[in-house]
Amino acid sequence: MNWLQDLSYFFGGVFLANAIPHFVSGTMGRPFQSPFAKPPGEGLSSSMVNVIWGFVNFIAAYFLIIRVGEFDVRDAQSIIALGLGALALSVMCAKRFGRFNGGNL
């Protein structure tokens, strides 16, 4: 396996993990932190901004996972790279945004 493909799958996992909370919050009609808020990453953006931002992240994840190399869900190395990217961003976001939403107990 090419390490550049693994790197692409890692960042595909990052974008995939980032897409989910934005898209879900937006489709539920709830505001959520985004890079477009004031202050960036701390303030709340509208549900429409979050739906669009989530969708853009899904597209980036698609290109990084599906269009690079030969991604195979049965290949442990590919899945591990994707999972580590998703886990890395998820842990980082839980720590950063937990202070805004009561998650850091």
PDB file of N, CA and C in Angstrom:
ATOM      1  N   MET A   1       0.851  -1.186   0.000  1.00  0.00           N
ATOM      2  CA  MET A   1       0.000   0.000   0.000  1.00  0.00           C
ATOM      3  C   MET A   1       0.889   1.240   0.000  1.00  0.00           C
ATOM      4  N   ASN A   2       0.502   2.189  -0.749  1.00  0.00           N
ATOM      5  CA  ASN A   2       1.208   3.446  -0.872  1.00  0.00           C
ATOM      6  C   ASN A   2       0.889   4.332   0.329  1.00  0.00           C
ATOM      7  N   TRP A   3       1.907   4.914   0.967  1.00  0.00           N
ATOM      8  CA  TRP A   3       1.678   5.739   2.146  1.00  0.00           C
ATOM      9  C   TRP A   3       0.901   6.999   1.808  1.00  0.00           C
ATOM     10  N   LEU A   4       0.989   7.476   0.570  1.00  0.00           N
ATOM     11  CA  LEU A   4       0.205   8.643   0.170  1.00  0.00           C
ATOM     12  C   LEU A   4      -1.289   8.316   0.132  1.00  0.00           C
ATOM     13  N   GLN A   5      -1.619   7.090  -0.251  1.00  0.00           N
ATOM     14  CA  GLN A   5      -3.022   6.678  -0.213  1.00  0.00           C
ATOM     15  C   GLN A   5      -3.511   6.624   1.231  1.00  0.00           C
ATOM     16  N   ASP A   6      -2.691   6.075   2.118  1.00  0.00           N
ATOM     17  CA  ASP A   6      -3.065   6.030   3.535  1.00  0.00           C
ATOM     18  C   ASP A   6      -3.253   7.439   4.093  1.00  0.00           C
ATOM     19  N   LEU A   7      -2.401   8.353   3.704  1.00  0.00           N
ATOM     20  CA  LEU A   7      -2.537   9.739   4.143  1.00  0.00           C
ATOM     21  C   LEU A   7      -3.842  10.342   3.619  1.00  0.00           C
ATOM     22  N   SER A   8      -4.178  10.033   2.384  1.00  0.00           N
ATOM     23  CA  SER A   8      -5.429  10.502   1.805  1.00  0.00           C
ATOM     24  C   SER A   8      -6.626   9.927   2.564  1.00  0.00           C
ATOM     25  N   TYR A   9      -6.574   8.646   2.915  1.00  0.00           N
ATOM     26  CA  TYR A   9      -7.668   8.015   3.666  1.00  0.00           C
ATOM     27  C   TYR A   9      -7.765   8.600   5.069  1.00  0.00           C
ATOM     28  N   PHE A  10      -6.612   8.910   5.683  1.00  0.00           N
ATOM     29  CA  PHE A  10      -6.603   9.546   7.002  1.00  0.00           C
ATOM     30  C   PHE A  10      -7.362  10.871   6.943  1.00  0.00           C
ATOM     31  N   PHE A  11      -7.013  11.727   5.971  1.00  0.00           N
ATOM     32  CA  PHE A  11      -7.693  13.016   5.863  1.00  0.00           C
ATOM     33  C   PHE A  11      -9.124  12.869   5.364  1.00  0.00           C
ATOM     34  N   GLY A  12      -9.406  11.812   4.613  1.00  0.00           N
ATOM     35  CA  GLY A  12     -10.797  11.514   4.266  1.00  0.00           C
ATOM     36  C   GLY A  12     -11.607  11.232   5.521  1.00  0.00           C
ATOM     37  N   GLY A  13     -11.019  10.500   6.473  1.00  0.00           N
ATOM     38  CA  GLY A  13     -11.673  10.252   7.755  1.00  0.00           C
ATOM     39  C   GLY A  13     -11.873  11.529   8.542  1.00  0.00           C
ATOM     40  N   VAL A  14     -10.909  12.443   8.469  1.00  0.00           N
ATOM     41  CA  VAL A  14     -11.035  13.741   9.142  1.00  0.00           C
ATOM     42  C   VAL A  14     -12.226  14.509   8.574  1.00  0.00           C
ATOM     43  N   PHE A  15     -12.300  14.608   7.263  1.00  0.00           N
ATOM     44  CA  PHE A  15     -13.406  15.339   6.630  1.00  0.00           C
ATOM     45  C   PHE A  15     -14.751  14.653   6.886  1.00  0.00           C
ATOM     46  N   LEU A  16     -14.761  13.336   6.884  1.00  0.00           N
ATOM     47  CA  LEU A  16     -15.998  12.602   7.150  1.00  0.00           C
ATOM     48  C   LEU A  16     -16.492  12.859   8.571  1.00  0.00           C
ATOM     49  N   ALA A  17     -15.578  12.801   9.535  1.00  0.00           N
ATOM     50  CA  ALA A  17     -15.950  13.064  10.923  1.00  0.00           C
ATOM     51  C   ALA A  17     -16.412  14.501  11.115  1.00  0.00           C
ATOM     52  N   ASN A  18     -15.836  15.429  10.365  1.00  0.00           N
ATOM     53  CA  ASN A  18     -16.241  16.832  10.469  1.00  0.00           C
ATOM     54  C   ASN A  18     -17.596  17.078   9.804  1.00  0.00           C
ATOM     55  N   ALA A  19     -17.900  16.332   8.777  1.00  0.00           N
ATOM     56  CA  ALA A  19     -19.152  16.535   8.049  1.00  0.00           C
ATOM     57  C   ALA A  19     -20.372  16.168   8.895  1.00  0.00           C
ATOM     58  N   ILE A  20     -20.252  15.122   9.675  1.00  0.00           N
ATOM     59  CA  ILE A  20     -21.420  14.574  10.376  1.00  0.00           C
ATOM     60  C   ILE A  20     -22.077  15.569  11.340  1.00  0.00           C
ATOM     61  N   PRO A  21     -21.351  16.162  12.301  1.00  0.00           N
ATOM     62  CA  PRO A  21     -22.049  17.060  13.230  1.00  0.00           C
ATOM     63  C   PRO A  21     -22.614  18.306  12.553  1.00  0.00           C
ATOM     64  N   HIS A  22     -21.897  18.828  11.559  1.00  0.00           N
ATOM     65  CA  HIS A  22     -22.408  20.017  10.870  1.00  0.00           C
ATOM     66  C   HIS A  22     -23.680  19.696  10.094  1.00  0.00           C
ATOM     67  N   PHE A  23     -23.649  18.610   9.352  1.00  0.00           N
ATOM     68  CA  PHE A  23     -24.804  18.246   8.537  1.00  0.00           C
ATOM     69  C   PHE A  23     -26.005  17.883   9.405  1.00  0.00           C
ATOM     70  N   VAL A  24     -25.778  17.113  10.456  1.00  0.00           N
ATOM     71  CA  VAL A  24     -26.880  16.700  11.330  1.00  0.00           C
ATOM     72  C   VAL A  24     -27.471  17.896  12.058  1.00  0.00           C
ATOM     73  N   SER A  25     -26.631  18.742  12.635  1.00  0.00           N
ATOM     74  CA  SER A  25     -27.144  19.928  13.331  1.00  0.00           C
ATOM     75  C   SER A  25     -27.929  20.814  12.377  1.00  0.00           C
ATOM     76  N   GLY A  26     -27.381  21.002  11.186  1.00  0.00           N
ATOM     77  CA  GLY A  26     -28.067  21.836  10.205  1.00  0.00           C
ATOM     78  C   GLY A  26     -29.406  21.270   9.785  1.00  0.00           C
ATOM     79  N   THR A  27     -29.484  19.973   9.534  1.00  0.00           N
ATOM     80  CA  THR A  27     -30.757  19.384   9.114  1.00  0.00           C
ATOM     81  C   THR A  27     -31.770  19.348  10.251  1.00  0.00           C
ATOM     82  N   MET A  28     -31.291  19.418  11.491  1.00  0.00           N
ATOM     83  CA  MET A  28     -32.196  19.503  12.641  1.00  0.00           C
ATOM     84  C   MET A  28     -32.635  20.942  12.897  1.00  0.00           C
ATOM     85  N   GLY A  29     -32.084  21.882  12.127  1.00  0.00           N
ATOM     86  CA  GLY A  29     -32.448  23.277  12.274  1.00  0.00           C
ATOM     87  C   GLY A  29     -31.764  23.962  13.447  1.00  0.00           C
ATOM     88  N   ARG A  30     -30.670  23.396  13.910  1.00  0.00           N
ATOM     89  CA  ARG A  30     -29.961  23.948  15.070  1.00  0.00           C
ATOM     90  C   ARG A  30     -28.688  24.673  14.635  1.00  0.00           C
ATOM     91  N   PRO A  31     -28.387  25.782  15.285  1.00  0.00           N
ATOM     92  CA  PRO A  31     -27.103  26.439  15.021  1.00  0.00           C
ATOM     93  C   PRO A  31     -25.969  25.603  15.610  1.00  0.00           C
ATOM     94  N   PHE A  32     -24.783  25.779  15.062  1.00  0.00           N
ATOM     95  CA  PHE A  32     -23.625  24.998  15.516  1.00  0.00           C
ATOM     96  C   PHE A  32     -22.367  25.795  15.212  1.00  0.00           C
ATOM     97  N   GLN A  33     -21.295  25.549  15.966  1.00  0.00           N
ATOM     98  CA  GLN A  33     -20.035  26.240  15.706  1.00  0.00           C
ATOM     99  C   GLN A  33     -19.523  25.881  14.316  1.00  0.00           C
ATOM    100  N   SER A  34     -18.964  26.878  13.652  1.00  0.00           N
ATOM    101  CA  SER A  34     -18.353  26.627  12.346  1.00  0.00           C
ATOM    102  C   SER A  34     -17.227  27.634  12.133  1.00  0.00           C
ATOM    103  N   PRO A  35     -16.400  27.406  11.124  1.00  0.00           N
ATOM    104  CA  PRO A  35     -15.324  28.357  10.842  1.00  0.00           C
ATOM    105  C   PRO A  35     -15.833  29.694  10.315  1.00  0.00           C
ATOM    106  N   PHE A  36     -17.121  29.781  10.003  1.00  0.00           N
ATOM    107  CA  PHE A  36     -17.679  31.003   9.416  1.00  0.00           C
ATOM    108  C   PHE A  36     -18.355  31.882  10.456  1.00  0.00           C
ATOM    109  N   ALA A  37     -18.381  31.447  11.709  1.00  0.00           N
ATOM    110  CA  ALA A  37     -19.021  32.207  12.781  1.00  0.00           C
ATOM    111  C   ALA A  37     -18.056  33.287  13.277  1.00  0.00           C
ATOM    112  N   LYS A  38     -18.584  34.151  14.127  1.00  0.00           N
ATOM    113  CA  LYS A  38     -17.761  35.174  14.765  1.00  0.00           C
ATOM    114  C   LYS A  38     -17.831  34.961  16.258  1.00  0.00           C
ATOM    115  N   PRO A  39     -16.738  34.692  16.934  1.00  0.00           N
ATOM    116  CA  PRO A  39     -15.402  34.392  16.431  1.00  0.00           C
ATOM    117  C   PRO A  39     -15.366  33.012  15.770  1.00  0.00           C
ATOM    118  N   PRO A  40     -14.507  32.837  14.781  1.00  0.00           N
ATOM    119  CA  PRO A  40     -14.443  31.568  14.045  1.00  0.00           C
ATOM    120  C   PRO A  40     -14.224  30.361  14.957  1.00  0.00           C
ATOM    121  N   GLY A  41     -15.058  29.367  14.779  1.00  0.00           N
ATOM    122  CA  GLY A  41     -14.933  28.134  15.547  1.00  0.00           C
ATOM    123  C   GLY A  41     -15.522  28.194  16.945  1.00  0.00           C
ATOM    124  N   GLU A  42     -15.952  29.370  17.368  1.00  0.00           N
ATOM    125  CA  GLU A  42     -16.522  29.511  18.707  1.00  0.00           C
ATOM    126  C   GLU A  42     -17.970  29.968  18.666  1.00  0.00           C
ATOM    127  N   GLY A  43     -18.255  30.921  17.781  1.00  0.00           N
ATOM    128  CA  GLY A  43     -19.626  31.396  17.653  1.00  0.00           C
ATOM    129  C   GLY A  43     -20.480  30.390  16.899  1.00  0.00           C
ATOM    130  N   LEU A  44     -21.764  30.652  16.871  1.00  0.00           N
ATOM    131  CA  LEU A  44     -22.700  29.750  16.202  1.00  0.00           C
ATOM    132  C   LEU A  44     -23.014  30.246  14.793  1.00  0.00           C
ATOM    133  N   SER A  45     -23.108  29.313  13.875  1.00  0.00           N
ATOM    134  CA  SER A  45     -23.546  29.608  12.514  1.00  0.00           C
ATOM    135  C   SER A  45     -24.948  29.054  12.319  1.00  0.00           C
ATOM    136  N   SER A  46     -25.648  29.591  11.351  1.00  0.00           N
ATOM    137  CA  SER A  46     -27.012  29.158  11.083  1.00  0.00           C
ATOM    138  C   SER A  46     -27.061  27.706  10.629  1.00  0.00           C
ATOM    139  N   SER A  47     -28.249  27.141  10.691  1.00  0.00           N
ATOM    140  CA  SER A  47     -28.417  25.756  10.256  1.00  0.00           C
ATOM    141  C   SER A  47     -28.112  25.608   8.761  1.00  0.00           C
ATOM    142  N   MET A  48     -28.440  26.604   7.959  1.00  0.00           N
ATOM    143  CA  MET A  48     -28.175  26.531   6.515  1.00  0.00           C
ATOM    144  C   MET A  48     -26.671  26.522   6.245  1.00  0.00           C
ATOM    145  N   VAL A  49     -25.922  27.354   6.939  1.00  0.00           N
ATOM    146  CA  VAL A  49     -24.456  27.368   6.780  1.00  0.00           C
ATOM    147  C   VAL A  49     -23.889  26.004   7.149  1.00  0.00           C
ATOM    148  N   ASN A  50     -24.413  25.399   8.213  1.00  0.00           N
ATOM    149  CA  ASN A  50     -23.904  24.105   8.647  1.00  0.00           C
ATOM    150  C   ASN A  50     -24.258  22.973   7.682  1.00  0.00           C
ATOM    151  N   VAL A  51     -25.420  23.019   7.080  1.00  0.00           N
ATOM    152  CA  VAL A  51     -25.772  22.006   6.077  1.00  0.00           C
ATOM    153  C   VAL A  51     -24.811  22.103   4.892  1.00  0.00           C
ATOM    154  N   ILE A  52     -24.569  23.321   4.429  1.00  0.00           N
ATOM    155  CA  ILE A  52     -23.673  23.511   3.285  1.00  0.00           C
ATOM    156  C   ILE A  52     -22.247  23.101   3.654  1.00  0.00           C
ATOM    157  N   TRP A  53     -21.773  23.504   4.840  1.00  0.00           N
ATOM    158  CA  TRP A  53     -20.420  23.152   5.271  1.00  0.00           C
ATOM    159  C   TRP A  53     -20.280  21.636   5.437  1.00  0.00           C
ATOM    160  N   GLY A  54     -21.291  21.003   6.003  1.00  0.00           N
ATOM    161  CA  GLY A  54     -21.270  19.548   6.135  1.00  0.00           C
ATOM    162  C   GLY A  54     -21.227  18.867   4.785  1.00  0.00           C
ATOM    163  N   PHE A  55     -22.006  19.360   3.837  1.00  0.00           N
ATOM    164  CA  PHE A  55     -22.031  18.775   2.505  1.00  0.00           C
ATOM    165  C   PHE A  55     -20.688  18.938   1.798  1.00  0.00           C
ATOM    166  N   VAL A  56     -20.068  20.099   1.934  1.00  0.00           N
ATOM    167  CA  VAL A  56     -18.740  20.324   1.348  1.00  0.00           C
ATOM    168  C   VAL A  56     -17.734  19.336   1.942  1.00  0.00           C
ATOM    169  N   ASN A  57     -17.829  19.079   3.243  1.00  0.00           N
ATOM    170  CA  ASN A  57     -16.945  18.114   3.889  1.00  0.00           C
ATOM    171  C   ASN A  57     -17.200  16.697   3.395  1.00  0.00           C
ATOM    172  N   PHE A  58     -18.479  16.336   3.145  1.00  0.00           N
ATOM    173  CA  PHE A  58     -18.783  15.023   2.573  1.00  0.00           C
ATOM    174  C   PHE A  58     -18.146  14.872   1.186  1.00  0.00           C
ATOM    175  N   ILE A  59     -18.197  15.924   0.393  1.00  0.00           N
ATOM    176  CA  ILE A  59     -17.599  15.881  -0.946  1.00  0.00           C
ATOM    177  C   ILE A  59     -16.086  15.711  -0.846  1.00  0.00           C
ATOM    178  N   ALA A  60     -15.449  16.462   0.052  1.00  0.00           N
ATOM    179  CA  ALA A  60     -13.996  16.330   0.236  1.00  0.00           C
ATOM    180  C   ALA A  60     -13.652  14.915   0.688  1.00  0.00           C
ATOM    181  N   ALA A  61     -14.430  14.362   1.619  1.00  0.00           N
ATOM    182  CA  ALA A  61     -14.187  12.990   2.090  1.00  0.00           C
ATOM    183  C   ALA A  61     -14.331  11.998   0.941  1.00  0.00           C
ATOM    184  N   TYR A  62     -15.344  12.180   0.121  1.00  0.00           N
ATOM    185  CA  TYR A  62     -15.553  11.295  -1.030  1.00  0.00           C
ATOM    186  C   TYR A  62     -14.322  11.268  -1.938  1.00  0.00           C
ATOM    187  N   PHE A  63     -13.834  12.450  -2.294  1.00  0.00           N
ATOM    188  CA  PHE A  63     -12.693  12.499  -3.198  1.00  0.00           C
ATOM    189  C   PHE A  63     -11.439  11.910  -2.562  1.00  0.00           C
ATOM    190  N   LEU A  64     -11.239  12.153  -1.272  1.00  0.00           N
ATOM    191  CA  LEU A  64     -10.037  11.640  -0.614  1.00  0.00           C
ATOM    192  C   LEU A  64     -10.099  10.129  -0.365  1.00  0.00           C
ATOM    193  N   ILE A  65     -11.287   9.591  -0.179  1.00  0.00           N
ATOM    194  CA  ILE A  65     -11.424   8.160   0.132  1.00  0.00           C
ATOM    195  C   ILE A  65     -11.661   7.329  -1.127  1.00  0.00           C
ATOM    196  N   ILE A  66     -12.610   7.713  -1.918  1.00  0.00           N
ATOM    197  CA  ILE A  66     -13.048   6.879  -3.045  1.00  0.00           C
ATOM    198  C   ILE A  66     -12.247   7.129  -4.322  1.00  0.00           C
ATOM    199  N   ARG A  67     -11.874   8.358  -4.567  1.00  0.00           N
ATOM    200  CA  ARG A  67     -11.234   8.689  -5.831  1.00  0.00           C
ATOM    201  C   ARG A  67      -9.714   8.552  -5.814  1.00  0.00           C
ATOM    202  N   VAL A  68      -9.140   8.314  -4.641  1.00  0.00           N
ATOM    203  CA  VAL A  68      -7.681   8.147  -4.534  1.00  0.00           C
ATOM    204  C   VAL A  68      -7.382   6.670  -4.336  1.00  0.00           C
ATOM    205  N   GLY A  69      -6.587   6.112  -5.191  1.00  0.00           N
ATOM    206  CA  GLY A  69      -6.193   4.711  -5.045  1.00  0.00           C
ATOM    207  C   GLY A  69      -7.361   3.752  -5.221  1.00  0.00           C
ATOM    208  N   GLU A  70      -7.240   2.609  -4.583  1.00  0.00           N
ATOM    209  CA  GLU A  70      -8.241   1.553  -4.638  1.00  0.00           C
ATOM    210  C   GLU A  70      -8.733   1.252  -3.223  1.00  0.00           C
ATOM    211  N   PHE A  71      -9.579   2.104  -2.683  1.00  0.00           N
ATOM    212  CA  PHE A  71     -10.060   1.912  -1.318  1.00  0.00           C
ATOM    213  C   PHE A  71     -10.899   0.644  -1.241  1.00  0.00           C
ATOM    214  N   ASP A  72     -10.579  -0.197  -0.274  1.00  0.00           N
ATOM    215  CA  ASP A  72     -11.291  -1.461  -0.081  1.00  0.00           C
ATOM    216  C   ASP A  72     -11.646  -1.578   1.398  1.00  0.00           C
ATOM    217  N   VAL A  73     -12.936  -1.708   1.695  1.00  0.00           N
ATOM    218  CA  VAL A  73     -13.364  -1.798   3.097  1.00  0.00           C
ATOM    219  C   VAL A  73     -12.878  -3.069   3.769  1.00  0.00           C
ATOM    220  N   ARG A  74     -12.408  -4.050   3.001  1.00  0.00           N
ATOM    221  CA  ARG A  74     -11.865  -5.284   3.580  1.00  0.00           C
ATOM    222  C   ARG A  74     -10.364  -5.205   3.829  1.00  0.00           C
ATOM    223  N   ASP A  75      -9.747  -4.102   3.420  1.00  0.00           N
ATOM    224  CA  ASP A  75      -8.315  -3.910   3.628  1.00  0.00           C
ATOM    225  C   ASP A  75      -8.103  -3.192   4.958  1.00  0.00           C
ATOM    226  N   ALA A  76      -7.525  -3.903   5.913  1.00  0.00           N
ATOM    227  CA  ALA A  76      -7.362  -3.361   7.269  1.00  0.00           C
ATOM    228  C   ALA A  76      -6.545  -2.076   7.273  1.00  0.00           C
ATOM    229  N   GLN A  77      -5.505  -1.991   6.472  1.00  0.00           N
ATOM    230  CA  GLN A  77      -4.653  -0.809   6.478  1.00  0.00           C
ATOM    231  C   GLN A  77      -5.428   0.435   6.042  1.00  0.00           C
ATOM    232  N   SER A  78      -6.280   0.301   5.036  1.00  0.00           N
ATOM    233  CA  SER A  78      -7.087   1.430   4.571  1.00  0.00           C
ATOM    234  C   SER A  78      -8.097   1.859   5.631  1.00  0.00           C
ATOM    235  N   ILE A  79      -8.756   0.887   6.239  1.00  0.00           N
ATOM    236  CA  ILE A  79      -9.760   1.179   7.269  1.00  0.00           C
ATOM    237  C   ILE A  79      -9.110   1.800   8.498  1.00  0.00           C
ATOM    238  N   ILE A  80      -7.939   1.301   8.879  1.00  0.00           N
ATOM    239  CA  ILE A  80      -7.239   1.863  10.037  1.00  0.00           C
ATOM    240  C   ILE A  80      -6.856   3.319   9.772  1.00  0.00           C
ATOM    241  N   ALA A  81      -6.341   3.609   8.579  1.00  0.00           N
ATOM    242  CA  ALA A  81      -5.975   4.984   8.238  1.00  0.00           C
ATOM    243  C   ALA A  81      -7.194   5.895   8.304  1.00  0.00           C
ATOM    244  N   LEU A  82      -8.309   5.466   7.720  1.00  0.00           N
ATOM    245  CA  LEU A  82      -9.543   6.247   7.745  1.00  0.00           C
ATOM    246  C   LEU A  82     -10.039   6.412   9.182  1.00  0.00           C
ATOM    247  N   GLY A  83     -10.052   5.335   9.938  1.00  0.00           N
ATOM    248  CA  GLY A  83     -10.538   5.378  11.317  1.00  0.00           C
ATOM    249  C   GLY A  83      -9.689   6.252  12.212  1.00  0.00           C
ATOM    250  N   LEU A  84      -8.359   6.216  12.020  1.00  0.00           N
ATOM    251  CA  LEU A  84      -7.491   7.067  12.829  1.00  0.00           C
ATOM    252  C   LEU A  84      -7.719   8.548  12.528  1.00  0.00           C
ATOM    253  N   GLY A  85      -7.976   8.875  11.272  1.00  0.00           N
ATOM    254  CA  GLY A  85      -8.289  10.261  10.921  1.00  0.00           C
ATOM    255  C   GLY A  85      -9.579  10.719  11.565  1.00  0.00           C
ATOM    256  N   ALA A  86     -10.607   9.866  11.499  1.00  0.00           N
ATOM    257  CA  ALA A  86     -11.889  10.206  12.118  1.00  0.00           C
ATOM    258  C   ALA A  86     -11.749  10.327  13.633  1.00  0.00           C
ATOM    259  N   LEU A  87     -11.023   9.400  14.239  1.00  0.00           N
ATOM    260  CA  LEU A  87     -10.829   9.427  15.687  1.00  0.00           C
ATOM    261  C   LEU A  87     -10.034  10.653  16.121  1.00  0.00           C
ATOM    262  N   ALA A  88      -8.978  10.975  15.391  1.00  0.00           N
ATOM    263  CA  ALA A  88      -8.142  12.134  15.745  1.00  0.00           C
ATOM    264  C   ALA A  88      -8.964  13.413  15.760  1.00  0.00           C
ATOM    265  N   LEU A  89      -9.753  13.653  14.706  1.00  0.00           N
ATOM    266  CA  LEU A  89     -10.555  14.878  14.674  1.00  0.00           C
ATOM    267  C   LEU A  89     -11.647  14.831  15.719  1.00  0.00           C
ATOM    268  N   SER A  90     -12.264  13.689  15.923  1.00  0.00           N
ATOM    269  CA  SER A  90     -13.354  13.575  16.893  1.00  0.00           C
ATOM    270  C   SER A  90     -12.883  13.878  18.310  1.00  0.00           C
ATOM    271  N   VAL A  91     -11.729  13.338  18.691  1.00  0.00           N
ATOM    272  CA  VAL A  91     -11.186  13.593  20.031  1.00  0.00           C
ATOM    273  C   VAL A  91     -10.820  15.067  20.180  1.00  0.00           C
ATOM    274  N   MET A  92     -10.197  15.625  19.152  1.00  0.00           N
ATOM    275  CA  MET A  92      -9.826  17.037  19.195  1.00  0.00           C
ATOM    276  C   MET A  92     -11.060  17.936  19.316  1.00  0.00           C
ATOM    277  N   CYS A  93     -12.097  17.649  18.554  1.00  0.00           N
ATOM    278  CA  CYS A  93     -13.320  18.446  18.607  1.00  0.00           C
ATOM    279  C   CYS A  93     -14.055  18.271  19.935  1.00  0.00           C
ATOM    280  N   ALA A  94     -14.070  17.059  20.466  1.00  0.00           N
ATOM    281  CA  ALA A  94     -14.725  16.826  21.758  1.00  0.00           C
ATOM    282  C   ALA A  94     -14.070  17.677  22.834  1.00  0.00           C
ATOM    283  N   LYS A  95     -12.762  17.744  22.810  1.00  0.00           N
ATOM    284  CA  LYS A  95     -12.042  18.530  23.801  1.00  0.00           C
ATOM    285  C   LYS A  95     -12.285  20.026  23.585  1.00  0.00           C
ATOM    286  N   ARG A  96     -12.194  20.483  22.342  1.00  0.00           N
ATOM    287  CA  ARG A  96     -12.335  21.920  22.052  1.00  0.00           C
ATOM    288  C   ARG A  96     -13.755  22.416  22.242  1.00  0.00           C
ATOM    289  N   PHE A  97     -14.745  21.690  21.715  1.00  0.00           N
ATOM    290  CA  PHE A  97     -16.111  22.188  21.743  1.00  0.00           C
ATOM    291  C   PHE A  97     -16.897  21.737  22.967  1.00  0.00           C
ATOM    292  N   GLY A  98     -16.342  20.826  23.749  1.00  0.00           N
ATOM    293  CA  GLY A  98     -17.012  20.392  24.963  1.00  0.00           C
ATOM    294  C   GLY A  98     -17.216  21.530  25.942  1.00  0.00           C
ATOM    295  N   ARG A  99     -16.333  22.496  25.923  1.00  0.00           N
ATOM    296  CA  ARG A  99     -16.469  23.647  26.839  1.00  0.00           C
ATOM    297  C   ARG A  99     -17.651  24.531  26.476  1.00  0.00           C
ATOM    298  N   PHE A 100     -18.080  24.515  25.214  1.00  0.00           N
ATOM    299  CA  PHE A 100     -19.219  25.320  24.797  1.00  0.00           C
ATOM    300  C   PHE A 100     -20.542  24.604  25.047  1.00  0.00           C
ATOM    301  N   ASN A 101     -20.533  23.281  24.991  1.00  0.00           N
ATOM    302  CA  ASN A 101     -21.772  22.518  25.023  1.00  0.00           C
ATOM    303  C   ASN A 101     -21.923  21.656  26.275  1.00  0.00           C
ATOM    304  N   GLY A 102     -21.098  21.878  27.281  1.00  0.00           N
ATOM    305  CA  GLY A 102     -21.218  21.144  28.536  1.00  0.00           C
ATOM    306  C   GLY A 102     -20.664  19.743  28.501  1.00  0.00           C
ATOM    307  N   GLY A 103     -19.820  19.437  27.531  1.00  0.00           N
ATOM    308  CA  GLY A 103     -19.288  18.079  27.413  1.00  0.00           C
ATOM    309  C   GLY A 103     -18.040  17.819  28.219  1.00  0.00           C
ATOM    310  N   ASN A 104     -17.369  18.870  28.687  1.00  0.00           N
ATOM    311  CA  ASN A 104     -16.154  18.712  29.482  1.00  0.00           C
ATOM    312  C   ASN A 104     -16.544  18.737  30.956  1.00  0.00           C
ATOM    313  N   LEU A 105     -16.897  17.603  31.488  1.00  0.00           N
ATOM    314  CA  LEU A 105     -17.304  17.525  32.897  1.00  0.00           C
ATOM    315  C   LEU A 105     -16.124  17.314  33.798  1.00  0.00           C
TER     316      LEU A 105
END
